[in-house]
Structure formats: C-alpha cells, structure tokens
Amino acid sequence: MTQRFLAAPVLETGRIVLRPHRLDDFEAYCAMGADPAVYRFIGGKARTREESWQRFLRHGGMWSMLGFGFWAIEDKATGRFIGEAGFHDLKRDITPSIEGVPEAGWSLASDMHGQGLATETMRRMLDWGDENLECRRTVCIIDPANEASLNMAAKLGYRESARTAYHEQPVILLERQQG
C-alpha cells in the first residue's frame, strides 16, 4: 500500500532541499511570480499578490487532500527560497483530460536558470513519485516555445502525447510512465 503524505516530506540533492512551503517564503514567491522570465511560459502574465497568495495556499491543501503536492526549493548553500516543483491535480479544462493524473510542474527564480537545478530537482522529485504515487503515469503541459523545459522533460522520460490548447493557448501534453 502506498504511504499517504499530509505534508511535503523533506528531500535533498547535492545542491537543494525540497521542503514544505513556509510563510517566510511568500515575498520571494511573489517576486518570482512577477518576474517576466518566470511567468512568460506559466500563464503569460505576472501574478498579482492576491493570485500569488491563493496559489501559495493551495500547496498545503494538495498535500493534505491528495497526499502529493508541490515543494519549495531551497538553495542548500544559502537557505534561500529559489523556486518550487511538485505534482498537482488542478482539474484543468483540457482535452484530452488529465484529471486524476499527477501533473508535474516546476519553476525557478530567474537568477537560478541555466544551472541544471531544475533537472536535479525533477530527478529527485520523480524518484519520490515513482516510490510513492499510486498512479503509474504522470503528465506535464509545456508551452511549445519553451525549448528548455521540453528538452529537460525529454531527458526525464516524458514523451509527447498530444498537442492541444489550455486557456486558448497552445500547449504540448507529455506523459511519463513510472520506472
């Protein structure tokens, strides 16, 4: 039987700590959501403080309701919040439906881009998912112009399963089988 988690367990790699979000992460979280280099492929517009707060609060709720969710990414050397990654089920209005399938997602503060941290984070997160998620498949949706994320997803075993639209914007739906 799969263990159910009520809060994000702490995971580590050589350079980062994946941990539950904390209230003191919120200002950095807001700054990340307002950075054009971050949001251009995640919704295409800056999040307001209110939108960031709503999104921030859902992280704890996902863990308590679904047994999985997003982690805060902390730089091990500095203790700084540098992003987030995890699995969610957002009940997206998308065809084909991905409802009920853990959807992987990630974002890093723009000054952390290009250092291999997203790949390092996702490898650790997917290892956790392979051991703990009941679903044998995970998905992700990526903007077709986001070559860096598409390349990383392919390295991690995600394969294109459909080209579709979400909120009237083109996206590529990718899936990965555990293992």
N, C-alpha and C. Protein backbone atom coordinates (compact mmCIF):
# COMPACT_ATOMS: atom_id res chain seq x y z
N MET A 1 0.83 -1.18 0.00
CA MET A 1 0.00 0.00 0.00
C MET A 1 0.88 1.25 0.00
N THR A 2 0.47 2.25 -0.77
CA THR A 2 1.22 3.49 -0.87
C THR A 2 1.02 4.35 0.37
N GLN A 3 2.10 4.93 0.87
CA GLN A 3 2.02 5.83 2.03
C GLN A 3 1.36 7.13 1.60
N ARG A 4 0.48 7.66 2.41
CA ARG A 4 -0.18 8.93 2.14
C ARG A 4 0.50 10.02 2.97
N PHE A 5 0.82 11.12 2.34
CA PHE A 5 1.51 12.22 3.00
C PHE A 5 0.55 13.36 3.25
N LEU A 6 0.57 13.90 4.46
CA LEU A 6 -0.27 15.04 4.81
C LEU A 6 0.47 16.36 4.62
N ALA A 7 1.77 16.30 4.56
CA ALA A 7 2.61 17.47 4.30
C ALA A 7 3.80 17.01 3.46
N ALA A 8 4.40 17.93 2.78
CA ALA A 8 5.53 17.60 1.92
C ALA A 8 6.68 17.03 2.74
N PRO A 9 7.15 15.84 2.39
CA PRO A 9 8.34 15.33 3.07
C PRO A 9 9.58 16.11 2.60
N VAL A 10 10.60 16.15 3.40
CA VAL A 10 11.83 16.85 3.03
C VAL A 10 12.70 15.90 2.21
N LEU A 11 13.12 16.37 1.04
CA LEU A 11 14.00 15.61 0.14
C LEU A 11 15.22 16.48 -0.14
N GLU A 12 16.34 15.84 -0.42
CA GLU A 12 17.56 16.61 -0.69
C GLU A 12 18.30 16.06 -1.89
N THR A 13 19.08 16.96 -2.50
CA THR A 13 20.07 16.57 -3.50
C THR A 13 21.37 17.25 -3.06
N GLY A 14 22.35 17.20 -3.89
CA GLY A 14 23.62 17.84 -3.54
C GLY A 14 23.50 19.34 -3.33
N ARG A 15 22.61 20.01 -4.08
CA ARG A 15 22.55 21.47 -4.02
C ARG A 15 21.25 22.05 -3.49
N ILE A 16 20.21 21.24 -3.39
CA ILE A 16 18.92 21.81 -3.00
C ILE A 16 18.22 20.96 -1.94
N VAL A 17 17.29 21.61 -1.27
CA VAL A 17 16.39 20.94 -0.33
C VAL A 17 14.98 21.17 -0.85
N LEU A 18 14.22 20.09 -0.99
CA LEU A 18 12.79 20.19 -1.30
C LEU A 18 12.07 20.05 0.03
N ARG A 19 11.25 21.04 0.37
CA ARG A 19 10.62 21.07 1.69
C ARG A 19 9.25 21.73 1.56
N PRO A 20 8.43 21.64 2.63
CA PRO A 20 7.15 22.35 2.59
C PRO A 20 7.37 23.86 2.46
N HIS A 21 6.43 24.53 1.82
CA HIS A 21 6.46 25.99 1.78
C HIS A 21 6.27 26.54 3.19
N ARG A 22 6.91 27.67 3.46
CA ARG A 22 6.78 28.35 4.75
C ARG A 22 6.28 29.78 4.50
N LEU A 23 5.63 30.35 5.49
CA LEU A 23 5.14 31.73 5.34
C LEU A 23 6.26 32.70 4.96
N ASP A 24 7.46 32.47 5.49
CA ASP A 24 8.55 33.40 5.16
C ASP A 24 9.06 33.25 3.73
N ASP A 25 8.53 32.30 2.96
CA ASP A 25 8.84 32.18 1.53
C ASP A 25 7.99 33.12 0.68
N PHE A 26 6.93 33.67 1.26
CA PHE A 26 5.91 34.33 0.45
C PHE A 26 6.43 35.53 -0.35
N GLU A 27 7.25 36.38 0.22
CA GLU A 27 7.73 37.55 -0.53
C GLU A 27 8.57 37.12 -1.74
N ALA A 28 9.44 36.14 -1.55
CA ALA A 28 10.23 35.63 -2.68
C ALA A 28 9.33 34.95 -3.70
N TYR A 29 8.29 34.27 -3.22
CA TYR A 29 7.31 33.62 -4.09
C TYR A 29 6.60 34.66 -4.95
N CYS A 30 6.19 35.77 -4.34
CA CYS A 30 5.54 36.86 -5.08
C CYS A 30 6.48 37.44 -6.13
N ALA A 31 7.72 37.67 -5.75
CA ALA A 31 8.70 38.23 -6.69
C ALA A 31 8.90 37.29 -7.88
N MET A 32 8.96 36.00 -7.62
CA MET A 32 9.12 35.03 -8.70
C MET A 32 7.92 35.08 -9.64
N GLY A 33 6.71 35.18 -9.10
CA GLY A 33 5.50 35.22 -9.91
C GLY A 33 5.33 36.49 -10.71
N ALA A 34 6.08 37.53 -10.36
CA ALA A 34 6.02 38.80 -11.07
C ALA A 34 7.19 38.99 -12.04
N ASP A 35 8.08 38.04 -12.12
CA ASP A 35 9.28 38.12 -12.96
C ASP A 35 8.95 37.63 -14.37
N PRO A 36 9.07 38.50 -15.40
CA PRO A 36 8.74 38.09 -16.77
C PRO A 36 9.50 36.84 -17.25
N ALA A 37 10.73 36.65 -16.81
CA ALA A 37 11.49 35.47 -17.23
C ALA A 37 10.90 34.19 -16.66
N VAL A 38 10.12 34.30 -15.58
CA VAL A 38 9.49 33.14 -14.95
C VAL A 38 8.10 32.92 -15.52
N TYR A 39 7.28 33.97 -15.56
CA TYR A 39 5.88 33.77 -15.93
C TYR A 39 5.62 33.69 -17.43
N ARG A 40 6.57 34.02 -18.28
CA ARG A 40 6.27 34.04 -19.71
C ARG A 40 5.78 32.70 -20.23
N PHE A 41 6.20 31.60 -19.63
CA PHE A 41 5.72 30.28 -20.05
C PHE A 41 4.74 29.67 -19.05
N ILE A 42 4.42 30.41 -18.00
CA ILE A 42 3.47 29.93 -16.99
C ILE A 42 2.35 30.95 -16.88
N GLY A 43 1.43 30.89 -17.79
CA GLY A 43 0.29 31.80 -17.77
C GLY A 43 0.47 33.07 -18.58
N GLY A 44 1.71 33.43 -18.89
CA GLY A 44 1.97 34.56 -19.77
C GLY A 44 1.79 35.94 -19.17
N LYS A 45 1.44 36.03 -17.89
CA LYS A 45 1.32 37.35 -17.27
C LYS A 45 1.73 37.25 -15.80
N ALA A 46 2.15 38.39 -15.28
CA ALA A 46 2.55 38.43 -13.87
C ALA A 46 1.36 38.13 -12.98
N ARG A 47 1.63 37.43 -11.89
CA ARG A 47 0.58 37.20 -10.88
C ARG A 47 0.52 38.39 -9.93
N THR A 48 -0.69 38.75 -9.56
CA THR A 48 -0.86 39.76 -8.53
C THR A 48 -0.48 39.15 -7.19
N ARG A 49 -0.34 39.97 -6.19
CA ARG A 49 -0.05 39.49 -4.83
C ARG A 49 -1.18 38.56 -4.38
N GLU A 50 -2.42 38.93 -4.66
CA GLU A 50 -3.57 38.10 -4.29
C GLU A 50 -3.54 36.75 -5.00
N GLU A 51 -3.26 36.75 -6.30
CA GLU A 51 -3.17 35.49 -7.04
C GLU A 51 -2.04 34.63 -6.50
N SER A 52 -0.92 35.27 -6.18
CA SER A 52 0.20 34.52 -5.61
C SER A 52 -0.19 33.90 -4.27
N TRP A 53 -0.91 34.65 -3.45
CA TRP A 53 -1.34 34.13 -2.15
C TRP A 53 -2.25 32.92 -2.33
N GLN A 54 -3.21 33.00 -3.23
CA GLN A 54 -4.12 31.87 -3.46
C GLN A 54 -3.35 30.64 -3.94
N ARG A 55 -2.43 30.85 -4.84
CA ARG A 55 -1.63 29.74 -5.35
C ARG A 55 -0.73 29.17 -4.24
N PHE A 56 -0.16 30.06 -3.45
CA PHE A 56 0.72 29.66 -2.35
C PHE A 56 -0.04 28.79 -1.35
N LEU A 57 -1.26 29.18 -1.01
CA LEU A 57 -2.06 28.43 -0.04
C LEU A 57 -2.47 27.05 -0.54
N ARG A 58 -2.64 26.89 -1.84
CA ARG A 58 -3.09 25.59 -2.34
C ARG A 58 -2.05 24.49 -2.15
N HIS A 59 -0.80 24.88 -1.95
CA HIS A 59 0.25 23.85 -1.80
C HIS A 59 -0.01 22.96 -0.59
N GLY A 60 -0.30 23.55 0.54
CA GLY A 60 -0.61 22.76 1.73
C GLY A 60 -1.87 21.94 1.55
N GLY A 61 -2.85 22.50 0.87
CA GLY A 61 -4.10 21.80 0.64
C GLY A 61 -3.94 20.57 -0.24
N MET A 62 -3.10 20.65 -1.25
CA MET A 62 -2.87 19.49 -2.12
C MET A 62 -2.32 18.32 -1.31
N TRP A 63 -1.32 18.61 -0.48
CA TRP A 63 -0.72 17.54 0.32
C TRP A 63 -1.76 16.91 1.24
N SER A 64 -2.54 17.74 1.93
CA SER A 64 -3.49 17.18 2.90
C SER A 64 -4.65 16.47 2.22
N MET A 65 -5.06 16.89 1.04
CA MET A 65 -6.20 16.26 0.36
C MET A 65 -5.80 15.11 -0.56
N LEU A 66 -4.66 15.25 -1.25
CA LEU A 66 -4.27 14.27 -2.26
C LEU A 66 -3.09 13.40 -1.87
N GLY A 67 -2.33 13.82 -0.87
CA GLY A 67 -1.15 13.05 -0.48
C GLY A 67 0.07 13.34 -1.34
N PHE A 68 -0.04 14.35 -2.22
CA PHE A 68 1.09 14.84 -3.00
C PHE A 68 0.85 16.32 -3.27
N GLY A 69 1.88 17.00 -3.74
CA GLY A 69 1.76 18.42 -3.99
C GLY A 69 3.09 19.00 -4.43
N PHE A 70 3.26 20.28 -4.18
CA PHE A 70 4.48 20.99 -4.55
C PHE A 70 5.37 21.19 -3.33
N TRP A 71 6.65 21.20 -3.61
CA TRP A 71 7.67 21.53 -2.62
C TRP A 71 8.21 22.92 -2.90
N ALA A 72 8.66 23.59 -1.86
CA ALA A 72 9.51 24.77 -2.02
C ALA A 72 10.91 24.24 -2.32
N ILE A 73 11.62 24.93 -3.18
CA ILE A 73 13.02 24.57 -3.48
C ILE A 73 13.90 25.57 -2.75
N GLU A 74 14.76 25.06 -1.90
CA GLU A 74 15.67 25.90 -1.12
C GLU A 74 17.09 25.62 -1.56
N ASP A 75 17.84 26.67 -1.79
CA ASP A 75 19.26 26.54 -2.09
C ASP A 75 19.97 26.09 -0.81
N LYS A 76 20.61 24.94 -0.88
CA LYS A 76 21.25 24.36 0.31
C LYS A 76 22.35 25.27 0.87
N ALA A 77 23.09 25.92 -0.02
CA ALA A 77 24.22 26.73 0.44
C ALA A 77 23.78 28.00 1.16
N THR A 78 22.64 28.59 0.76
CA THR A 78 22.23 29.88 1.31
C THR A 78 20.95 29.82 2.14
N GLY A 79 20.16 28.76 2.00
CA GLY A 79 18.87 28.67 2.67
C GLY A 79 17.78 29.49 1.99
N ARG A 80 18.09 30.05 0.84
CA ARG A 80 17.16 30.92 0.11
C ARG A 80 16.10 30.12 -0.65
N PHE A 81 14.85 30.59 -0.64
CA PHE A 81 13.79 30.05 -1.48
C PHE A 81 14.12 30.42 -2.92
N ILE A 82 14.24 29.39 -3.80
CA ILE A 82 14.61 29.67 -5.19
C ILE A 82 13.60 29.13 -6.20
N GLY A 83 12.52 28.53 -5.72
CA GLY A 83 11.52 28.04 -6.67
C GLY A 83 10.62 27.01 -6.04
N GLU A 84 9.91 26.31 -6.92
CA GLU A 84 9.00 25.26 -6.47
C GLU A 84 8.88 24.20 -7.55
N ALA A 85 8.53 23.01 -7.11
CA ALA A 85 8.31 21.90 -8.03
C ALA A 85 7.46 20.87 -7.32
N GLY A 86 6.76 20.09 -8.10
CA GLY A 86 5.96 19.04 -7.50
C GLY A 86 4.93 18.48 -8.45
N PHE A 87 3.93 17.85 -7.85
CA PHE A 87 2.81 17.26 -8.59
C PHE A 87 1.52 17.90 -8.10
N HIS A 88 0.60 18.12 -9.00
CA HIS A 88 -0.72 18.59 -8.60
C HIS A 88 -1.78 17.99 -9.53
N ASP A 89 -3.01 18.14 -9.14
CA ASP A 89 -4.16 17.81 -9.99
C ASP A 89 -5.07 19.02 -9.91
N LEU A 90 -5.03 19.86 -10.95
CA LEU A 90 -5.74 21.13 -10.95
C LEU A 90 -7.12 21.05 -11.61
N LYS A 91 -7.56 19.84 -11.97
CA LYS A 91 -8.87 19.69 -12.62
C LYS A 91 -8.97 20.61 -13.83
N ARG A 92 -7.88 20.64 -14.61
CA ARG A 92 -7.81 21.54 -15.76
C ARG A 92 -8.87 21.18 -16.80
N ASP A 93 -9.43 22.22 -17.41
CA ASP A 93 -10.37 22.05 -18.53
C ASP A 93 -9.53 21.95 -19.80
N ILE A 94 -9.06 20.74 -20.08
CA ILE A 94 -8.16 20.49 -21.20
C ILE A 94 -8.54 19.16 -21.85
N THR A 95 -8.38 19.10 -23.16
CA THR A 95 -8.64 17.86 -23.91
C THR A 95 -7.34 17.44 -24.58
N PRO A 96 -6.92 16.20 -24.37
CA PRO A 96 -7.55 15.15 -23.57
C PRO A 96 -7.44 15.47 -22.08
N SER A 97 -8.36 14.94 -21.31
CA SER A 97 -8.40 15.19 -19.87
C SER A 97 -7.19 14.57 -19.18
N ILE A 98 -6.67 15.30 -18.20
CA ILE A 98 -5.60 14.77 -17.36
C ILE A 98 -6.06 14.71 -15.91
N GLU A 99 -7.34 14.89 -15.69
CA GLU A 99 -7.89 14.87 -14.34
C GLU A 99 -7.61 13.51 -13.70
N GLY A 100 -7.15 13.55 -12.45
CA GLY A 100 -6.85 12.33 -11.72
C GLY A 100 -5.44 11.81 -11.93
N VAL A 101 -4.67 12.44 -12.82
CA VAL A 101 -3.30 12.04 -13.09
C VAL A 101 -2.37 13.10 -12.50
N PRO A 102 -1.40 12.72 -11.68
CA PRO A 102 -0.48 13.73 -11.13
C PRO A 102 0.24 14.48 -12.26
N GLU A 103 0.14 15.79 -12.20
CA GLU A 103 0.78 16.65 -13.20
C GLU A 103 2.03 17.27 -12.58
N ALA A 104 3.16 17.03 -13.20
CA ALA A 104 4.43 17.59 -12.73
C ALA A 104 4.55 19.04 -13.18
N GLY A 105 5.13 19.86 -12.31
CA GLY A 105 5.39 21.25 -12.65
C GLY A 105 6.61 21.74 -11.89
N TRP A 106 7.20 22.81 -12.38
CA TRP A 106 8.40 23.36 -11.77
C TRP A 106 8.58 24.80 -12.22
N SER A 107 9.18 25.60 -11.38
CA SER A 107 9.62 26.95 -11.75
C SER A 107 10.72 27.37 -10.79
N LEU A 108 11.66 28.10 -11.33
CA LEU A 108 12.80 28.59 -10.56
C LEU A 108 12.92 30.10 -10.72
N ALA A 109 13.43 30.75 -9.70
CA ALA A 109 13.75 32.17 -9.81
C ALA A 109 14.69 32.35 -11.00
N SER A 110 14.54 33.44 -11.73
CA SER A 110 15.28 33.59 -12.99
C SER A 110 16.79 33.59 -12.81
N ASP A 111 17.30 34.04 -11.68
CA ASP A 111 18.76 34.01 -11.49
C ASP A 111 19.29 32.60 -11.25
N MET A 112 18.40 31.62 -11.15
CA MET A 112 18.79 30.22 -10.97
C MET A 112 18.70 29.43 -12.28
N HIS A 113 18.17 30.06 -13.34
CA HIS A 113 18.04 29.36 -14.62
C HIS A 113 19.42 29.01 -15.19
N GLY A 114 19.47 27.93 -15.95
CA GLY A 114 20.67 27.57 -16.68
C GLY A 114 21.76 26.91 -15.86
N GLN A 115 21.47 26.47 -14.64
CA GLN A 115 22.47 25.86 -13.77
C GLN A 115 22.23 24.36 -13.55
N GLY A 116 21.23 23.82 -14.23
CA GLY A 116 20.90 22.40 -14.06
C GLY A 116 20.09 22.10 -12.81
N LEU A 117 19.65 23.14 -12.10
CA LEU A 117 18.91 22.92 -10.86
C LEU A 117 17.52 22.34 -11.11
N ALA A 118 16.88 22.74 -12.20
CA ALA A 118 15.55 22.19 -12.49
C ALA A 118 15.65 20.69 -12.75
N THR A 119 16.63 20.26 -13.51
CA THR A 119 16.81 18.84 -13.79
C THR A 119 17.13 18.08 -12.50
N GLU A 120 18.02 18.62 -11.69
CA GLU A 120 18.38 17.99 -10.42
C GLU A 120 17.15 17.85 -9.52
N THR A 121 16.37 18.92 -9.45
CA THR A 121 15.14 18.91 -8.65
C THR A 121 14.15 17.87 -9.17
N MET A 122 13.93 17.89 -10.47
CA MET A 122 12.93 17.00 -11.06
C MET A 122 13.35 15.53 -10.94
N ARG A 123 14.61 15.23 -11.10
CA ARG A 123 15.06 13.84 -10.92
C ARG A 123 14.71 13.34 -9.52
N ARG A 124 15.01 14.17 -8.52
CA ARG A 124 14.73 13.76 -7.13
C ARG A 124 13.23 13.64 -6.89
N MET A 125 12.48 14.58 -7.42
CA MET A 125 11.03 14.58 -7.26
C MET A 125 10.40 13.36 -7.95
N LEU A 126 10.86 13.05 -9.15
CA LEU A 126 10.33 11.89 -9.87
C LEU A 126 10.70 10.58 -9.19
N ASP A 127 11.90 10.50 -8.62
CA ASP A 127 12.26 9.31 -7.84
C ASP A 127 11.28 9.13 -6.68
N TRP A 128 10.96 10.24 -5.99
CA TRP A 128 9.98 10.17 -4.91
C TRP A 128 8.62 9.73 -5.47
N GLY A 129 8.22 10.30 -6.58
CA GLY A 129 6.93 9.94 -7.19
C GLY A 129 6.86 8.48 -7.59
N ASP A 130 7.95 7.94 -8.15
CA ASP A 130 7.98 6.53 -8.54
C ASP A 130 7.76 5.62 -7.33
N GLU A 131 8.25 6.05 -6.17
CA GLU A 131 8.11 5.24 -4.95
C GLU A 131 6.78 5.46 -4.24
N ASN A 132 6.16 6.63 -4.42
CA ASN A 132 5.04 6.99 -3.55
C ASN A 132 3.70 7.28 -4.22
N LEU A 133 3.69 7.58 -5.50
CA LEU A 133 2.42 7.88 -6.16
C LEU A 133 1.70 6.58 -6.55
N GLU A 134 0.40 6.55 -6.33
CA GLU A 134 -0.37 5.37 -6.71
C GLU A 134 -0.49 5.26 -8.23
N CYS A 135 -0.58 6.38 -8.91
CA CYS A 135 -0.71 6.41 -10.36
C CYS A 135 0.65 6.04 -10.99
N ARG A 136 0.64 5.19 -11.96
CA ARG A 136 1.88 4.74 -12.61
C ARG A 136 2.34 5.72 -13.70
N ARG A 137 1.54 6.75 -13.94
CA ARG A 137 1.81 7.71 -15.02
C ARG A 137 1.72 9.12 -14.46
N THR A 138 2.60 10.00 -14.92
CA THR A 138 2.49 11.42 -14.63
C THR A 138 2.49 12.16 -15.95
N VAL A 139 1.99 13.39 -15.92
CA VAL A 139 1.93 14.22 -17.12
C VAL A 139 2.52 15.59 -16.82
N CYS A 140 2.78 16.34 -17.86
CA CYS A 140 3.09 17.76 -17.73
C CYS A 140 2.63 18.46 -18.99
N ILE A 141 2.32 19.73 -18.88
CA ILE A 141 1.97 20.52 -20.05
C ILE A 141 3.00 21.63 -20.18
N ILE A 142 3.47 21.84 -21.41
CA ILE A 142 4.55 22.80 -21.65
C ILE A 142 4.22 23.62 -22.88
N ASP A 143 4.48 24.91 -22.79
CA ASP A 143 4.34 25.81 -23.92
C ASP A 143 5.29 25.35 -25.03
N PRO A 144 4.82 25.26 -26.28
CA PRO A 144 5.69 24.78 -27.37
C PRO A 144 6.95 25.63 -27.58
N ALA A 145 6.93 26.89 -27.15
CA ALA A 145 8.10 27.75 -27.30
C ALA A 145 9.12 27.57 -26.18
N ASN A 146 8.79 26.81 -25.15
CA ASN A 146 9.68 26.63 -24.00
C ASN A 146 10.62 25.45 -24.26
N GLU A 147 11.60 25.69 -25.10
CA GLU A 147 12.53 24.63 -25.51
C GLU A 147 13.30 24.04 -24.33
N ALA A 148 13.70 24.88 -23.40
CA ALA A 148 14.48 24.38 -22.25
C ALA A 148 13.67 23.36 -21.46
N SER A 149 12.41 23.65 -21.17
CA SER A 149 11.58 22.71 -20.41
C SER A 149 11.25 21.47 -21.24
N LEU A 150 11.02 21.63 -22.52
CA LEU A 150 10.76 20.46 -23.38
C LEU A 150 11.98 19.53 -23.41
N ASN A 151 13.17 20.10 -23.52
CA ASN A 151 14.39 19.29 -23.53
C ASN A 151 14.59 18.59 -22.19
N MET A 152 14.35 19.30 -21.10
CA MET A 152 14.51 18.69 -19.78
C MET A 152 13.50 17.57 -19.59
N ALA A 153 12.25 17.81 -19.96
CA ALA A 153 11.21 16.78 -19.82
C ALA A 153 11.59 15.52 -20.61
N ALA A 154 12.11 15.70 -21.80
CA ALA A 154 12.53 14.54 -22.60
C ALA A 154 13.66 13.77 -21.91
N LYS A 155 14.63 14.48 -21.32
CA LYS A 155 15.72 13.83 -20.57
C LYS A 155 15.19 13.00 -19.42
N LEU A 156 14.07 13.44 -18.85
CA LEU A 156 13.49 12.78 -17.69
C LEU A 156 12.49 11.69 -18.05
N GLY A 157 12.33 11.42 -19.34
CA GLY A 157 11.46 10.33 -19.77
C GLY A 157 10.06 10.73 -20.19
N TYR A 158 9.76 12.02 -20.25
CA TYR A 158 8.46 12.46 -20.73
C TYR A 158 8.43 12.43 -22.25
N ARG A 159 7.33 11.96 -22.79
CA ARG A 159 7.14 11.85 -24.24
C ARG A 159 5.85 12.56 -24.63
N GLU A 160 5.89 13.24 -25.76
CA GLU A 160 4.71 13.95 -26.24
C GLU A 160 3.56 12.98 -26.46
N SER A 161 2.39 13.33 -25.94
CA SER A 161 1.20 12.50 -26.17
C SER A 161 0.11 13.26 -26.91
N ALA A 162 0.16 14.60 -26.89
CA ALA A 162 -0.85 15.38 -27.63
C ALA A 162 -0.40 16.82 -27.74
N ARG A 163 -0.88 17.47 -28.78
CA ARG A 163 -0.78 18.93 -28.90
C ARG A 163 -2.21 19.42 -28.76
N THR A 164 -2.39 20.36 -27.84
CA THR A 164 -3.73 20.80 -27.52
C THR A 164 -3.67 22.28 -27.12
N ALA A 165 -4.71 22.75 -26.48
CA ALA A 165 -4.75 24.14 -26.01
C ALA A 165 -5.25 24.16 -24.58
N TYR A 166 -4.74 25.13 -23.84
CA TYR A 166 -5.21 25.38 -22.49
C TYR A 166 -5.37 26.89 -22.35
N HIS A 167 -6.56 27.32 -21.95
CA HIS A 167 -6.90 28.75 -21.92
C HIS A 167 -6.60 29.40 -23.26
N GLU A 168 -6.95 28.69 -24.32
CA GLU A 168 -6.83 29.16 -25.70
C GLU A 168 -5.38 29.38 -26.14
N GLN A 169 -4.44 28.82 -25.41
CA GLN A 169 -3.02 28.91 -25.77
C GLN A 169 -2.51 27.51 -26.10
N PRO A 170 -1.67 27.37 -27.14
CA PRO A 170 -1.16 26.04 -27.47
C PRO A 170 -0.26 25.49 -26.38
N VAL A 171 -0.40 24.21 -26.11
CA VAL A 171 0.46 23.51 -25.17
C VAL A 171 0.75 22.11 -25.71
N ILE A 172 1.84 21.56 -25.24
CA ILE A 172 2.17 20.17 -25.55
C ILE A 172 1.94 19.38 -24.27
N LEU A 173 1.18 18.32 -24.38
CA LEU A 173 0.91 17.43 -23.27
C LEU A 173 1.92 16.28 -23.38
N LEU A 174 2.65 16.06 -22.30
CA LEU A 174 3.65 14.99 -22.25
C LEU A 174 3.29 14.03 -21.13
N GLU A 175 3.71 12.78 -21.27
CA GLU A 175 3.47 11.80 -20.20
C GLU A 175 4.70 10.94 -19.98
N ARG A 176 4.78 10.42 -18.77
CA ARG A 176 5.90 9.57 -18.37
C ARG A 176 5.33 8.41 -17.58
N GLN A 177 5.80 7.23 -17.87
CA GLN A 177 5.44 6.04 -17.11
C GLN A 177 6.48 5.86 -16.01
N GLN A 178 6.04 5.43 -14.82
CA GLN A 178 6.97 5.20 -13.72
C GLN A 178 8.06 4.23 -14.14
N GLY A 179 9.20 4.45 -13.53
CA GLY A 179 10.23 3.47 -13.73
C GLY A 179 11.49 4.03 -14.20
